[in-house]
Amino acid sequence: MAVLFNILQVEDNDGDALLIERALRRSDCQVVMTLVCTEQNMRKALSTAKYDIVLSDYNMPSFSGADALR
């Protein structure tokens, strides 16, 4: 049985985001992915929904993955 995960992905590269989503789907995970690329959009997403997992790029132009996870 597949497990459903609601995932917030903080990523500024659409190609990288797609690779991660494809890998998760191949592993028999059912995922609902929300992609954001700015701190403002991340904060809005976190305030409007609950996520099982937050995946974050480490180096982004406007903020870092460490900042995102704080």
Protein backbone atom coordinates (compact mmCIF):
# COMPACT_ATOMS: atom_id res chain seq x y z
CA MET A 1 0.00 0.00 0.00
CA ALA A 2 1.34 3.43 -0.94
CA VAL A 3 1.79 6.08 1.73
CA LEU A 4 0.43 9.59 1.12
CA PHE A 5 2.74 12.46 2.02
CA ASN A 6 1.94 16.16 1.84
CA ILE A 7 5.30 17.75 0.98
CA LEU A 8 6.44 21.35 0.88
CA GLN A 9 9.40 21.70 -1.45
CA VAL A 10 11.51 24.86 -1.17
CA GLU A 11 13.42 24.90 -4.44
CA ASP A 12 14.39 27.60 -6.93
CA ASN A 13 15.14 25.20 -9.82
CA ASP A 14 12.08 23.66 -11.50
CA GLY A 15 14.18 20.85 -13.00
CA ASP A 16 15.52 19.80 -9.60
CA ALA A 17 12.02 19.95 -8.12
CA LEU A 18 10.70 17.68 -10.86
CA LEU A 19 13.53 15.16 -10.36
CA ILE A 20 12.74 14.90 -6.65
CA GLU A 21 9.02 14.50 -7.29
CA ARG A 22 9.62 11.77 -9.89
CA ALA A 23 11.95 9.87 -7.55
CA LEU A 24 9.36 9.93 -4.78
CA ARG A 25 6.60 8.74 -7.11
CA ARG A 26 8.79 5.85 -8.38
CA SER A 27 9.25 4.68 -4.80
CA ASP A 28 5.49 4.01 -4.56
CA CYS A 29 4.83 7.10 -2.47
CA GLN A 30 1.71 9.06 -3.21
CA VAL A 31 2.70 12.68 -2.83
CA VAL A 32 1.03 16.03 -2.90
CA MET A 33 3.80 18.49 -3.69
CA THR A 34 3.67 22.21 -3.07
CA LEU A 35 6.60 24.04 -4.64
CA VAL A 36 7.76 27.45 -3.42
CA CYS A 37 10.90 29.38 -4.27
CA THR A 38 10.81 32.43 -1.99
CA GLU A 39 10.79 32.92 1.75
CA GLN A 40 7.52 34.84 1.54
CA ASN A 41 5.77 32.04 -0.38
CA MET A 42 7.19 29.46 2.02
CA ARG A 43 5.82 31.31 5.04
CA LYS A 44 2.42 31.65 3.35
CA ALA A 45 2.33 27.93 2.50
CA LEU A 46 3.26 26.97 6.07
CA SER A 47 0.54 29.21 7.48
CA THR A 48 -2.21 27.79 5.25
CA ALA A 49 -1.54 24.03 5.27
CA LYS A 50 0.07 21.23 7.26
CA TYR A 51 2.98 19.33 5.71
CA ASP A 52 4.42 15.94 6.57
CA ILE A 53 7.81 16.82 5.13
CA VAL A 54 9.70 19.97 4.13
CA LEU A 55 12.40 19.45 1.51
CA SER A 56 14.65 22.44 0.99
CA ASP A 57 17.38 23.38 -1.41
CA TYR A 58 20.43 24.49 0.57
CA ASN A 59 21.62 27.38 -1.64
CA MET A 60 19.06 29.78 -3.07
CA PRO A 61 19.55 33.37 -4.22
CA SER A 62 17.26 35.01 -1.68
CA PHE A 63 17.73 32.78 1.37
CA SER A 64 19.34 29.52 2.46
CA GLY A 65 17.94 26.12 3.24
CA ALA A 66 19.08 26.53 6.84
CA ASP A 67 17.06 29.77 7.04
CA ALA A 68 14.06 27.98 5.54
CA LEU A 69 14.18 25.17 8.09
CA ARG A 70 14.50 27.56 11.04
